[in-house]
Every structure is written in structure tokens, then in C-alpha cells.
Amino acid sequence: MTLHNQSHESAAFEQERTRLVGEITQELGQLIANVNLLNRNLETIITIGQDFEQLSQLWQSFHTSPFQEQLQQELLRLEEAESVATVEIHERASPVDGE
């Protein structure tokens, strides 16, 4: 190879390298901008979620009202009565040994 060919290849290499470094720099800049946008969006989502936490606590306080506790006690009483009635029906339907 001649000196002229080597310098031409070196210049072409430097040009390509400079072009690629420029592209990489530009793409990294875009990546950083997108990551920053994602970060802002995540912070917004977290803030909205925290706002819903307060609303959730308010609804939970309505849900656990004394009226709700009375309804649960009544439901338990009805379930117990149903269970007793079921046992009585089975006892009446079952033949007694020795009869």
C-alpha cells in the first residue's frame, strides 16, 4: 500500500467514525429525553395513586359503618339458623337404629 492510500483510508475511517459518534450522541440525547418523559409520567401516576388512597380510605369508612356491622351480624344469625334447620331435616330423614 502506498502512503496516499493509507492516508485516504485513514481519512475515510475518521469521517465514518465522526459520523457514527454523532449519531450515537444524537440517539443518546433522545434516549435521555424519553427516560425523563417516562420519569415525569411515573411521578404523575404515583401522585394520582396517592390521591385515590385518600378516596379509598373515605369509602372504607363508609363500608365499615355500624349499619354494615349490623348487616353482617344479621347475616351470621341467618346462616346459623339455616345450618340448624338443615341438621334437623337430616335428623328427621335419617332412620333411627333399632326401629
PDB file of N, CA and C in Angstrom:
ATOM      1  N   MET A   1       0.821  -1.177   0.000  1.00  0.00           N
ATOM      2  CA  MET A   1       0.000   0.000   0.000  1.00  0.00           C
ATOM      3  C   MET A   1       0.869   1.246   0.000  1.00  0.00           C
ATOM      4  N   THR A   2       0.376   2.188  -0.673  1.00  0.00           N
ATOM      5  CA  THR A   2       1.137   3.437  -0.742  1.00  0.00           C
ATOM      6  C   THR A   2       0.701   4.347   0.377  1.00  0.00           C
ATOM      7  N   LEU A   3       1.481   5.329   0.599  1.00  0.00           N
ATOM      8  CA  LEU A   3       1.199   6.314   1.641  1.00  0.00           C
ATOM      9  C   LEU A   3      -0.096   7.058   1.335  1.00  0.00           C
ATOM     10  N   HIS A   4      -0.341   7.319   0.068  1.00  0.00           N
ATOM     11  CA  HIS A   4      -1.555   8.025  -0.344  1.00  0.00           C
ATOM     12  C   HIS A   4      -2.810   7.204  -0.026  1.00  0.00           C
ATOM     13  N   ASN A   5      -2.770   5.890  -0.291  1.00  0.00           N
ATOM     14  CA  ASN A   5      -3.906   5.004   0.007  1.00  0.00           C
ATOM     15  C   ASN A   5      -4.152   4.911   1.499  1.00  0.00           C
ATOM     16  N   GLN A   6      -3.063   4.841   2.272  1.00  0.00           N
ATOM     17  CA  GLN A   6      -3.201   4.764   3.725  1.00  0.00           C
ATOM     18  C   GLN A   6      -3.836   6.039   4.277  1.00  0.00           C
ATOM     19  N   SER A   7      -3.428   7.171   3.797  1.00  0.00           N
ATOM     20  CA  SER A   7      -3.986   8.420   4.309  1.00  0.00           C
ATOM     21  C   SER A   7      -5.445   8.572   3.875  1.00  0.00           C
ATOM     22  N   HIS A   8      -5.768   8.095   2.659  1.00  0.00           N
ATOM     23  CA  HIS A   8      -7.157   8.151   2.191  1.00  0.00           C
ATOM     24  C   HIS A   8      -8.050   7.245   3.043  1.00  0.00           C
ATOM     25  N   GLU A   9      -7.578   6.026   3.353  1.00  0.00           N
ATOM     26  CA  GLU A   9      -8.332   5.097   4.210  1.00  0.00           C
ATOM     27  C   GLU A   9      -8.463   5.651   5.610  1.00  0.00           C
ATOM     28  N   SER A  10      -7.422   6.277   6.112  1.00  0.00           N
ATOM     29  CA  SER A  10      -7.452   6.881   7.445  1.00  0.00           C
ATOM     30  C   SER A  10      -8.461   8.020   7.502  1.00  0.00           C
ATOM     31  N   ALA A  11      -8.491   8.836   6.463  1.00  0.00           N
ATOM     32  CA  ALA A  11      -9.445   9.943   6.412  1.00  0.00           C
ATOM     33  C   ALA A  11     -10.869   9.413   6.311  1.00  0.00           C
ATOM     34  N   ALA A  12     -11.081   8.360   5.528  1.00  0.00           N
ATOM     35  CA  ALA A  12     -12.410   7.759   5.395  1.00  0.00           C
ATOM     36  C   ALA A  12     -12.846   7.154   6.728  1.00  0.00           C
ATOM     37  N   PHE A  13     -11.896   6.502   7.397  1.00  0.00           N
ATOM     38  CA  PHE A  13     -12.191   5.927   8.698  1.00  0.00           C
ATOM     39  C   PHE A  13     -12.583   7.020   9.695  1.00  0.00           C
ATOM     40  N   GLU A  14     -11.808   8.100   9.741  1.00  0.00           N
ATOM     41  CA  GLU A  14     -12.095   9.209  10.655  1.00  0.00           C
ATOM     42  C   GLU A  14     -13.451   9.839  10.347  1.00  0.00           C
ATOM     43  N   GLN A  15     -13.773   9.967   9.078  1.00  0.00           N
ATOM     44  CA  GLN A  15     -15.065  10.534   8.685  1.00  0.00           C
ATOM     45  C   GLN A  15     -16.210   9.643   9.161  1.00  0.00           C
ATOM     46  N   GLU A  16     -16.079   8.361   8.913  1.00  0.00           N
ATOM     47  CA  GLU A  16     -17.131   7.408   9.320  1.00  0.00           C
ATOM     48  C   GLU A  16     -17.261   7.370  10.832  1.00  0.00           C
ATOM     49  N   ARG A  17     -16.124   7.387  11.509  1.00  0.00           N
ATOM     50  CA  ARG A  17     -16.131   7.380  12.974  1.00  0.00           C
ATOM     51  C   ARG A  17     -16.810   8.627  13.509  1.00  0.00           C
ATOM     52  N   THR A  18     -16.512   9.776  12.953  1.00  0.00           N
ATOM     53  CA  THR A  18     -17.124  11.029  13.378  1.00  0.00           C
ATOM     54  C   THR A  18     -18.640  10.989  13.136  1.00  0.00           C
ATOM     55  N   ARG A  19     -19.042  10.451  11.986  1.00  0.00           N
ATOM     56  CA  ARG A  19     -20.468  10.338  11.680  1.00  0.00           C
ATOM     57  C   ARG A  19     -21.170   9.424  12.677  1.00  0.00           C
ATOM     58  N   LEU A  20     -20.550   8.283  12.963  1.00  0.00           N
ATOM     59  CA  LEU A  20     -21.160   7.334  13.901  1.00  0.00           C
ATOM     60  C   LEU A  20     -21.226   7.888  15.320  1.00  0.00           C
ATOM     61  N   VAL A  21     -20.182   8.564  15.759  1.00  0.00           N
ATOM     62  CA  VAL A  21     -20.181   9.176  17.093  1.00  0.00           C
ATOM     63  C   VAL A  21     -21.278  10.233  17.178  1.00  0.00           C
ATOM     64  N   GLY A  22     -21.474  11.002  16.105  1.00  0.00           N
ATOM     65  CA  GLY A  22     -22.547  11.998  16.068  1.00  0.00           C
ATOM     66  C   GLY A  22     -23.920  11.347  16.181  1.00  0.00           C
ATOM     67  N   GLU A  23     -24.126  10.239  15.437  1.00  0.00           N
ATOM     68  CA  GLU A  23     -25.397   9.520  15.515  1.00  0.00           C
ATOM     69  C   GLU A  23     -25.646   8.972  16.915  1.00  0.00           C
ATOM     70  N   ILE A  24     -24.605   8.387  17.488  1.00  0.00           N
ATOM     71  CA  ILE A  24     -24.722   7.829  18.839  1.00  0.00           C
ATOM     72  C   ILE A  24     -25.056   8.925  19.834  1.00  0.00           C
ATOM     73  N   THR A  25     -24.396  10.064  19.715  1.00  0.00           N
ATOM     74  CA  THR A  25     -24.661  11.190  20.614  1.00  0.00           C
ATOM     75  C   THR A  25     -26.109  11.655  20.483  1.00  0.00           C
ATOM     76  N   GLN A  26     -26.579  11.748  19.247  1.00  0.00           N
ATOM     77  CA  GLN A  26     -27.956  12.180  18.999  1.00  0.00           C
ATOM     78  C   GLN A  26     -28.946  11.161  19.579  1.00  0.00           C
ATOM     79  N   GLU A  27     -28.708   9.886  19.358  1.00  0.00           N
ATOM     80  CA  GLU A  27     -29.609   8.840  19.861  1.00  0.00           C
ATOM     81  C   GLU A  27     -29.600   8.799  21.388  1.00  0.00           C
ATOM     82  N   LEU A  28     -28.428   8.979  22.002  1.00  0.00           N
ATOM     83  CA  LEU A  28     -28.368   9.010  23.470  1.00  0.00           C
ATOM     84  C   LEU A  28     -29.125  10.213  24.014  1.00  0.00           C
ATOM     85  N   GLY A  29     -29.042  11.341  23.335  1.00  0.00           N
ATOM     86  CA  GLY A  29     -29.811  12.520  23.744  1.00  0.00           C
ATOM     87  C   GLY A  29     -31.306  12.247  23.696  1.00  0.00           C
ATOM     88  N   GLN A  30     -31.758  11.575  22.631  1.00  0.00           N
ATOM     89  CA  GLN A  30     -33.175  11.211  22.506  1.00  0.00           C
ATOM     90  C   GLN A  30     -33.570  10.221  23.603  1.00  0.00           C
ATOM     91  N   LEU A  31     -32.675   9.271  23.889  1.00  0.00           N
ATOM     92  CA  LEU A  31     -32.943   8.298  24.946  1.00  0.00           C
ATOM     93  C   LEU A  31     -33.103   8.999  26.292  1.00  0.00           C
ATOM     94  N   ILE A  32     -32.228   9.922  26.596  1.00  0.00           N
ATOM     95  CA  ILE A  32     -32.312  10.663  27.865  1.00  0.00           C
ATOM     96  C   ILE A  32     -33.615  11.459  27.937  1.00  0.00           C
ATOM     97  N   ALA A  33     -34.004  12.086  26.834  1.00  0.00           N
ATOM     98  CA  ALA A  33     -35.262  12.839  26.812  1.00  0.00           C
ATOM     99  C   ALA A  33     -36.451  11.906  27.060  1.00  0.00           C
ATOM    100  N   ASN A  34     -36.443  10.727  26.453  1.00  0.00           N
ATOM    101  CA  ASN A  34     -37.537   9.770  26.642  1.00  0.00           C
ATOM    102  C   ASN A  34     -37.576   9.224  28.067  1.00  0.00           C
ATOM    103  N   VAL A  35     -36.407   8.965  28.649  1.00  0.00           N
ATOM    104  CA  VAL A  35     -36.362   8.488  30.036  1.00  0.00           C
ATOM    105  C   VAL A  35     -36.884   9.572  30.978  1.00  0.00           C
ATOM    106  N   ASN A  36     -36.534  10.825  30.716  1.00  0.00           N
ATOM    107  CA  ASN A  36     -37.051  11.925  31.540  1.00  0.00           C
ATOM    108  C   ASN A  36     -38.569  12.034  31.419  1.00  0.00           C
ATOM    109  N   LEU A  37     -39.100  11.864  30.211  1.00  0.00           N
ATOM    110  CA  LEU A  37     -40.543  11.891  29.999  1.00  0.00           C
ATOM    111  C   LEU A  37     -41.213  10.737  30.748  1.00  0.00           C
ATOM    112  N   LEU A  38     -40.633   9.558  30.671  1.00  0.00           N
ATOM    113  CA  LEU A  38     -41.155   8.404  31.399  1.00  0.00           C
ATOM    114  C   LEU A  38     -41.150   8.671  32.900  1.00  0.00           C
ATOM    115  N   ASN A  39     -40.089   9.255  33.405  1.00  0.00           N
ATOM    116  CA  ASN A  39     -39.983   9.571  34.828  1.00  0.00           C
ATOM    117  C   ASN A  39     -41.088  10.530  35.250  1.00  0.00           C
ATOM    118  N   ARG A  40     -41.332  11.573  34.450  1.00  0.00           N
ATOM    119  CA  ARG A  40     -42.404  12.524  34.776  1.00  0.00           C
ATOM    120  C   ARG A  40     -43.765  11.835  34.772  1.00  0.00           C
ATOM    121  N   ASN A  41     -43.987  10.960  33.793  1.00  0.00           N
ATOM    122  CA  ASN A  41     -45.257  10.240  33.735  1.00  0.00           C
ATOM    123  C   ASN A  41     -45.439   9.322  34.946  1.00  0.00           C
ATOM    124  N   LEU A  42     -44.377   8.646  35.349  1.00  0.00           N
ATOM    125  CA  LEU A  42     -44.459   7.783  36.527  1.00  0.00           C
ATOM    126  C   LEU A  42     -44.731   8.596  37.790  1.00  0.00           C
ATOM    127  N   GLU A  43     -44.105   9.757  37.905  1.00  0.00           N
ATOM    128  CA  GLU A  43     -44.368  10.619  39.059  1.00  0.00           C
ATOM    129  C   GLU A  43     -45.828  11.070  39.075  1.00  0.00           C
ATOM    130  N   THR A  44     -46.391  11.357  37.898  1.00  0.00           N
ATOM    131  CA  THR A  44     -47.801  11.745  37.806  1.00  0.00           C
ATOM    132  C   THR A  44     -48.698  10.598  38.237  1.00  0.00           C
ATOM    133  N   ILE A  45     -48.381   9.403  37.784  1.00  0.00           N
ATOM    134  CA  ILE A  45     -49.174   8.229  38.155  1.00  0.00           C
ATOM    135  C   ILE A  45     -49.122   7.996  39.654  1.00  0.00           C
ATOM    136  N   ILE A  46     -47.958   8.138  40.243  1.00  0.00           N
ATOM    137  CA  ILE A  46     -47.811   7.950  41.694  1.00  0.00           C
ATOM    138  C   ILE A  46     -48.638   8.988  42.437  1.00  0.00           C
ATOM    139  N   THR A  47     -48.607  10.229  41.988  1.00  0.00           N
ATOM    140  CA  THR A  47     -49.385  11.292  42.627  1.00  0.00           C
ATOM    141  C   THR A  47     -50.877  10.986  42.544  1.00  0.00           C
ATOM    142  N   ILE A  48     -51.340  10.558  41.383  1.00  0.00           N
ATOM    143  CA  ILE A  48     -52.759  10.217  41.219  1.00  0.00           C
ATOM    144  C   ILE A  48     -53.120   9.042  42.127  1.00  0.00           C
ATOM    145  N   GLY A  49     -52.248   8.058  42.197  1.00  0.00           N
ATOM    146  CA  GLY A  49     -52.486   6.912  43.074  1.00  0.00           C
ATOM    147  C   GLY A  49     -52.599   7.324  44.527  1.00  0.00           C
ATOM    148  N   GLN A  50     -51.773   8.261  44.953  1.00  0.00           N
ATOM    149  CA  GLN A  50     -51.840   8.745  46.330  1.00  0.00           C
ATOM    150  C   GLN A  50     -53.158   9.479  46.569  1.00  0.00           C
ATOM    151  N   ASP A  51     -53.645  10.205  45.577  1.00  0.00           N
ATOM    152  CA  ASP A  51     -54.933  10.882  45.705  1.00  0.00           C
ATOM    153  C   ASP A  51     -56.058   9.862  45.856  1.00  0.00           C
ATOM    154  N   PHE A  52     -55.987   8.761  45.120  1.00  0.00           N
ATOM    155  CA  PHE A  52     -57.011   7.726  45.230  1.00  0.00           C
ATOM    156  C   PHE A  52     -56.943   7.010  46.574  1.00  0.00           C
ATOM    157  N   GLU A  53     -55.791   6.991  47.207  1.00  0.00           N
ATOM    158  CA  GLU A  53     -55.659   6.354  48.520  1.00  0.00           C
ATOM    159  C   GLU A  53     -56.560   7.061  49.530  1.00  0.00           C
ATOM    160  N   GLN A  54     -56.584   8.381  49.496  1.00  0.00           N
ATOM    161  CA  GLN A  54     -57.447   9.133  50.408  1.00  0.00           C
ATOM    162  C   GLN A  54     -58.911   8.827  50.129  1.00  0.00           C
ATOM    163  N   LEU A  55     -59.292   8.760  48.867  1.00  0.00           N
ATOM    164  CA  LEU A  55     -60.664   8.433  48.489  1.00  0.00           C
ATOM    165  C   LEU A  55     -61.010   7.014  48.928  1.00  0.00           C
ATOM    166  N   SER A  56     -60.076   6.112  48.785  1.00  0.00           N
ATOM    167  CA  SER A  56     -60.290   4.728  49.194  1.00  0.00           C
ATOM    168  C   SER A  56     -60.540   4.635  50.695  1.00  0.00           C
ATOM    169  N   GLN A  57     -59.787   5.370  51.473  1.00  0.00           N
ATOM    170  CA  GLN A  57     -59.985   5.367  52.923  1.00  0.00           C
ATOM    171  C   GLN A  57     -61.353   5.922  53.298  1.00  0.00           C
ATOM    172  N   LEU A  58     -61.803   6.941  52.582  1.00  0.00           N
ATOM    173  CA  LEU A  58     -63.123   7.511  52.833  1.00  0.00           C
ATOM    174  C   LEU A  58     -64.208   6.472  52.562  1.00  0.00           C
ATOM    175  N   TRP A  59     -64.130   5.789  51.423  1.00  0.00           N
ATOM    176  CA  TRP A  59     -65.128   4.768  51.104  1.00  0.00           C
ATOM    177  C   TRP A  59     -65.065   3.609  52.088  1.00  0.00           C
ATOM    178  N   GLN A  60     -63.880   3.269  52.532  1.00  0.00           N
ATOM    179  CA  GLN A  60     -63.752   2.186  53.507  1.00  0.00           C
ATOM    180  C   GLN A  60     -64.423   2.562  54.817  1.00  0.00           C
ATOM    181  N   SER A  61     -64.350   3.846  55.204  1.00  0.00           N
ATOM    182  CA  SER A  61     -65.013   4.271  56.438  1.00  0.00           C
ATOM    183  C   SER A  61     -66.528   4.150  56.302  1.00  0.00           C
ATOM    184  N   PHE A  62     -67.068   4.390  55.091  1.00  0.00           N
ATOM    185  CA  PHE A  62     -68.499   4.179  54.869  1.00  0.00           C
ATOM    186  C   PHE A  62     -68.837   2.693  54.924  1.00  0.00           C
ATOM    187  N   HIS A  63     -67.955   1.897  54.368  1.00  0.00           N
ATOM    188  CA  HIS A  63     -68.191   0.458  54.296  1.00  0.00           C
ATOM    189  C   HIS A  63     -68.201  -0.175  55.687  1.00  0.00           C
ATOM    190  N   THR A  64     -67.389   0.302  56.579  1.00  0.00           N
ATOM    191  CA  THR A  64     -67.293  -0.280  57.916  1.00  0.00           C
ATOM    192  C   THR A  64     -68.135   0.497  58.930  1.00  0.00           C
ATOM    193  N   SER A  65     -69.231   1.031  58.482  1.00  0.00           N
ATOM    194  CA  SER A  65     -70.115   1.787  59.366  1.00  0.00           C
ATOM    195  C   SER A  65     -70.842   0.830  60.310  1.00  0.00           C
ATOM    196  N   PRO A  66     -71.421   1.339  61.393  1.00  0.00           N
ATOM    197  CA  PRO A  66     -72.187   0.481  62.318  1.00  0.00           C
ATOM    198  C   PRO A  66     -73.327  -0.253  61.600  1.00  0.00           C
ATOM    199  N   PHE A  67     -73.945   0.399  60.611  1.00  0.00           N
ATOM    200  CA  PHE A  67     -75.014  -0.260  59.862  1.00  0.00           C
ATOM    201  C   PHE A  67     -74.489  -1.504  59.167  1.00  0.00           C
ATOM    202  N   GLN A  68     -73.291  -1.412  58.605  1.00  0.00           N
ATOM    203  CA  GLN A  68     -72.679  -2.562  57.932  1.00  0.00           C
ATOM    204  C   GLN A  68     -72.422  -3.679  58.939  1.00  0.00           C
ATOM    205  N   GLU A  69     -71.989  -3.340  60.132  1.00  0.00           N
ATOM    206  CA  GLU A  69     -71.743  -4.355  61.159  1.00  0.00           C
ATOM    207  C   GLU A  69     -73.042  -5.047  61.555  1.00  0.00           C
ATOM    208  N   GLN A  70     -74.136  -4.302  61.638  1.00  0.00           N
ATOM    209  CA  GLN A  70     -75.436  -4.904  61.950  1.00  0.00           C
ATOM    210  C   GLN A  70     -75.852  -5.878  60.854  1.00  0.00           C
ATOM    211  N   LEU A  71     -75.632  -5.490  59.605  1.00  0.00           N
ATOM    212  CA  LEU A  71     -75.972  -6.376  58.495  1.00  0.00           C
ATOM    213  C   LEU A  71     -75.157  -7.667  58.549  1.00  0.00           C
ATOM    214  N   GLN A  72     -73.900  -7.568  58.882  1.00  0.00           N
ATOM    215  CA  GLN A  72     -73.057  -8.760  58.967  1.00  0.00           C
ATOM    216  C   GLN A  72     -73.522  -9.674  60.106  1.00  0.00           C
ATOM    217  N   GLN A  73     -73.894  -9.092  61.244  1.00  0.00           N
ATOM    218  CA  GLN A  73     -74.385  -9.891  62.363  1.00  0.00           C
ATOM    219  C   GLN A  73     -75.689 -10.594  61.995  1.00  0.00           C
ATOM    220  N   GLU A  74     -76.587  -9.883  61.303  1.00  0.00           N
ATOM    221  CA  GLU A  74     -77.849 -10.477  60.861  1.00  0.00           C
ATOM    222  C   GLU A  74     -77.593 -11.614  59.875  1.00  0.00           C
ATOM    223  N   LEU A  75     -76.654 -11.432  58.982  1.00  0.00           N
ATOM    224  CA  LEU A  75     -76.300 -12.473  58.028  1.00  0.00           C
ATOM    225  C   LEU A  75     -75.767 -13.708  58.753  1.00  0.00           C
ATOM    226  N   LEU A  76     -74.917 -13.511  59.747  1.00  0.00           N
ATOM    227  CA  LEU A  76     -74.401 -14.645  60.523  1.00  0.00           C
ATOM    228  C   LEU A  76     -75.528 -15.366  61.244  1.00  0.00           C
ATOM    229  N   ARG A  77     -76.469 -14.609  61.812  1.00  0.00           N
ATOM    230  CA  ARG A  77     -77.596 -15.208  62.526  1.00  0.00           C
ATOM    231  C   ARG A  77     -78.431 -16.051  61.559  1.00  0.00           C
ATOM    232  N   LEU A  78     -78.680 -15.535  60.362  1.00  0.00           N
ATOM    233  CA  LEU A  78     -79.456 -16.282  59.377  1.00  0.00           C
ATOM    234  C   LEU A  78     -78.725 -17.534  58.919  1.00  0.00           C
ATOM    235  N   GLU A  79     -77.419 -17.448  58.738  1.00  0.00           N
ATOM    236  CA  GLU A  79     -76.640 -18.616  58.336  1.00  0.00           C
ATOM    237  C   GLU A  79     -76.669 -19.691  59.412  1.00  0.00           C
ATOM    238  N   GLU A  80     -76.588 -19.284  60.690  1.00  0.00           N
ATOM    239  CA  GLU A  80     -76.654 -20.242  61.795  1.00  0.00           C
ATOM    240  C   GLU A  80     -78.024 -20.904  61.839  1.00  0.00           C
ATOM    241  N   ALA A  81     -79.083 -20.112  61.647  1.00  0.00           N
ATOM    242  CA  ALA A  81     -80.434 -20.668  61.656  1.00  0.00           C
ATOM    243  C   ALA A  81     -80.605 -21.654  60.507  1.00  0.00           C
ATOM    244  N   GLU A  82     -80.082 -21.340  59.369  1.00  0.00           N
ATOM    245  CA  GLU A  82     -80.169 -22.233  58.218  1.00  0.00           C
ATOM    246  C   GLU A  82     -79.409 -23.527  58.494  1.00  0.00           C
ATOM    247  N   SER A  83     -78.257 -23.422  59.129  1.00  0.00           N
ATOM    248  CA  SER A  83     -77.450 -24.592  59.456  1.00  0.00           C
ATOM    249  C   SER A  83     -78.193 -25.506  60.433  1.00  0.00           C
ATOM    250  N   VAL A  84     -78.829 -24.913  61.450  1.00  0.00           N
ATOM    251  CA  VAL A  84     -79.585 -25.693  62.434  1.00  0.00           C
ATOM    252  C   VAL A  84     -80.759 -26.381  61.749  1.00  0.00           C
ATOM    253  N   ALA A  85     -81.467 -25.659  60.883  1.00  0.00           N
ATOM    254  CA  ALA A  85     -82.610 -26.234  60.181  1.00  0.00           C
ATOM    255  C   ALA A  85     -82.165 -27.391  59.294  1.00  0.00           C
ATOM    256  N   THR A  86     -81.034 -27.281  58.653  1.00  0.00           N
ATOM    257  CA  THR A  86     -80.520 -28.344  57.790  1.00  0.00           C
ATOM    258  C   THR A  86     -80.208 -29.589  58.609  1.00  0.00           C
ATOM    259  N   VAL A  87     -79.607 -29.403  59.784  1.00  0.00           N
ATOM    260  CA  VAL A  87     -79.290 -30.538  60.656  1.00  0.00           C
ATOM    261  C   VAL A  87     -80.579 -31.217  61.113  1.00  0.00           C
ATOM    262  N   GLU A  88     -81.580 -30.434  61.482  1.00  0.00           N
ATOM    263  CA  GLU A  88     -82.855 -31.005  61.930  1.00  0.00           C
ATOM    264  C   GLU A  88     -83.513 -31.801  60.814  1.00  0.00           C
ATOM    265  N   ILE A  89     -83.467 -31.293  59.603  1.00  0.00           N
ATOM    266  CA  ILE A  89     -84.064 -32.010  58.472  1.00  0.00           C
ATOM    267  C   ILE A  89     -83.347 -33.330  58.251  1.00  0.00           C
ATOM    268  N   HIS A  90     -82.029 -33.332  58.327  1.00  0.00           N
ATOM    269  CA  HIS A  90     -81.268 -34.573  58.149  1.00  0.00           C
ATOM    270  C   HIS A  90     -81.548 -35.567  59.269  1.00  0.00           C
ATOM    271  N   GLU A  91     -81.710 -35.058  60.495  1.00  0.00           N
ATOM    272  CA  GLU A  91     -82.003 -35.956  61.620  1.00  0.00           C
ATOM    273  C   GLU A  91     -83.375 -36.596  61.445  1.00  0.00           C
ATOM    274  N   ARG A  92     -84.374 -35.849  60.979  1.00  0.00           N
ATOM    275  CA  ARG A  92     -85.715 -36.391  60.784  1.00  0.00           C
ATOM    276  C   ARG A  92     -85.733 -37.394  59.621  1.00  0.00           C
ATOM    277  N   ALA A  93     -84.921 -37.142  58.623  1.00  0.00           N
ATOM    278  CA  ALA A  93     -84.921 -38.003  57.449  1.00  0.00           C
ATOM    279  C   ALA A  93     -84.113 -39.283  57.673  1.00  0.00           C
ATOM    280  N   SER A  94     -83.187 -39.274  58.610  1.00  0.00           N
ATOM    281  CA  SER A  94     -82.350 -40.444  58.854  1.00  0.00           C
ATOM    282  C   SER A  94     -83.103 -41.457  59.705  1.00  0.00           C
ATOM    283  N   PRO A  95     -83.114 -42.732  59.315  1.00  0.00           N
ATOM    284  CA  PRO A  95     -83.777 -43.749  60.147  1.00  0.00           C
ATOM    285  C   PRO A  95     -82.974 -43.979  61.425  1.00  0.00           C
ATOM    286  N   VAL A  96     -83.658 -44.153  62.504  1.00  0.00           N
ATOM    287  CA  VAL A  96     -83.020 -44.392  63.804  1.00  0.00           C
ATOM    288  C   VAL A  96     -82.779 -45.876  63.938  1.00  0.00           C
ATOM    289  N   ASP A  97     -81.588 -46.287  64.415  1.00  0.00           N
ATOM    290  CA  ASP A  97     -81.251 -47.693  64.579  1.00  0.00           C
ATOM    291  C   ASP A  97     -82.184 -48.346  65.601  1.00  0.00           C
ATOM    292  N   GLY A  98     -82.605 -49.531  65.307  1.00  0.00           N
ATOM    293  CA  GLY A  98     -83.423 -50.286  66.249  1.00  0.00           C
ATOM    294  C   GLY A  98     -84.895 -50.070  66.058  1.00  0.00           C
ATOM    295  N   GLU A  99     -85.346 -49.283  65.104  1.00  0.00           N
ATOM    296  CA  GLU A  99     -86.777 -49.067  64.904  1.00  0.00           C
ATOM    297  C   GLU A  99     -87.255 -49.852  63.744  1.00  0.00           C
TER     298      GLU A  99
END
